[in-house]
Amino acid sequence: MHSSPPPHLVTIRDTMIRLGQFLKLASLAESGAHARDLIEDDNVYVNGELEKRRGRQLIHGDIVTVTTPQTSLSAQVITPAGPH
């Protein structure tokens, strides 16, 4: 068994970002509709927990994982100022 690669780091401009926006910014979703579908199909996890809210606010250090039958990709939220 092999371990998952570490999440890629995605810097955002503000201190928080909504999940749907982050999925697009991190290239984990191709569009807003694709982000919505991933969330509705139970494919999105935040810090290891299933997340059903597209408007969930993400902050510095949160790790978003998209898992489908084909792949599993992760990205970590990074803010310019770091944790608050």
Protein backbone atom coordinates (compact mmCIF):
# COMPACT_ATOMS: atom_id res chain seq x y z
CA MET A 1 0.00 0.00 0.00
CA HIS A 2 1.31 3.46 -0.89
CA SER A 3 0.53 6.73 0.81
CA SER A 4 -1.19 9.67 -0.84
CA PRO A 5 0.99 12.51 -2.06
CA PRO A 6 1.01 15.60 0.15
CA PRO A 7 -1.61 18.24 -0.69
CA HIS A 8 -0.54 20.99 -3.03
CA LEU A 9 -0.50 24.43 -1.45
CA VAL A 10 -2.90 27.05 -2.80
CA THR A 11 -2.49 30.64 -1.64
CA ILE A 12 -5.64 32.74 -1.38
CA ARG A 13 -5.87 36.54 -1.22
CA ASP A 14 -8.05 36.92 1.86
CA THR A 15 -8.24 35.23 5.27
CA MET A 16 -10.99 32.84 4.10
CA ILE A 17 -12.53 31.38 0.95
CA ARG A 18 -15.71 29.41 0.30
CA LEU A 19 -15.36 25.74 -0.57
CA GLY A 20 -16.90 26.04 -4.05
CA GLN A 21 -14.52 28.86 -4.95
CA PHE A 22 -11.51 26.99 -3.57
CA LEU A 23 -12.31 23.85 -5.56
CA LYS A 24 -12.09 25.92 -8.76
CA LEU A 25 -9.03 27.94 -7.66
CA ALA A 26 -7.13 24.76 -6.73
CA SER A 27 -8.13 23.11 -10.04
CA LEU A 28 -9.95 20.36 -8.13
CA ALA A 29 -13.12 21.29 -10.08
CA GLU A 30 -13.43 22.55 -13.65
CA SER A 31 -16.35 24.91 -12.95
CA GLY A 32 -18.85 25.99 -10.33
CA ALA A 33 -21.29 23.37 -11.60
CA HIS A 34 -18.59 20.69 -11.38
CA ALA A 35 -17.77 21.79 -7.81
CA ARG A 36 -21.47 21.55 -6.89
CA ASP A 37 -21.71 18.06 -8.42
CA LEU A 38 -18.61 16.84 -6.56
CA ILE A 39 -20.05 18.08 -3.26
CA GLU A 40 -23.54 16.66 -3.92
CA ASP A 41 -22.02 13.28 -4.86
CA ASP A 42 -20.17 13.02 -1.50
CA ASN A 43 -16.72 13.37 -3.10
CA VAL A 44 -15.41 16.33 -1.06
CA TYR A 45 -13.76 16.20 2.35
CA VAL A 46 -12.44 19.06 4.49
CA ASN A 47 -9.82 18.04 7.05
CA GLY A 48 -10.87 14.40 6.59
CA GLU A 49 -14.61 14.95 7.16
CA LEU A 50 -17.29 14.75 4.45
CA GLU A 51 -18.50 18.24 3.55
CA LYS A 52 -21.91 18.90 1.98
CA ARG A 53 -21.91 22.74 2.09
CA ARG A 54 -20.54 24.51 -0.97
CA GLY A 55 -20.48 27.75 1.06
CA ARG A 56 -18.32 26.27 3.84
CA GLN A 57 -15.70 28.83 4.83
CA LEU A 58 -12.14 27.58 4.61
CA ILE A 59 -9.25 29.15 6.51
CA HIS A 60 -5.46 28.84 6.58
CA GLY A 61 -4.36 25.23 6.98
CA ASP A 62 -7.61 23.55 5.93
CA ILE A 63 -7.06 20.57 3.64
CA VAL A 64 -9.62 19.84 0.94
CA THR A 65 -9.66 16.39 -0.65
CA VAL A 66 -11.65 15.33 -3.69
CA THR A 67 -12.04 11.57 -4.00
CA THR A 68 -13.59 9.89 -7.04
CA PRO A 69 -13.35 6.31 -8.30
CA GLN A 70 -10.57 7.49 -10.63
CA THR A 71 -8.45 9.63 -8.32
CA SER A 72 -7.89 11.37 -5.00
CA LEU A 73 -6.47 14.90 -4.99
CA SER A 74 -5.81 17.26 -2.09
CA ALA A 75 -5.06 20.96 -1.70
CA GLN A 76 -4.27 23.01 1.39
CA VAL A 77 -5.47 26.57 1.97
CA ILE A 78 -2.64 29.04 2.55
CA THR A 79 -3.23 32.70 3.39
CA PRO A 80 -0.57 35.36 2.79
CA ALA A 81 -0.42 36.25 6.49
CA GLY A 82 -0.54 32.66 7.73
CA PRO A 83 -2.80 31.49 10.57
CA HIS A 84 -4.76 34.08 12.56
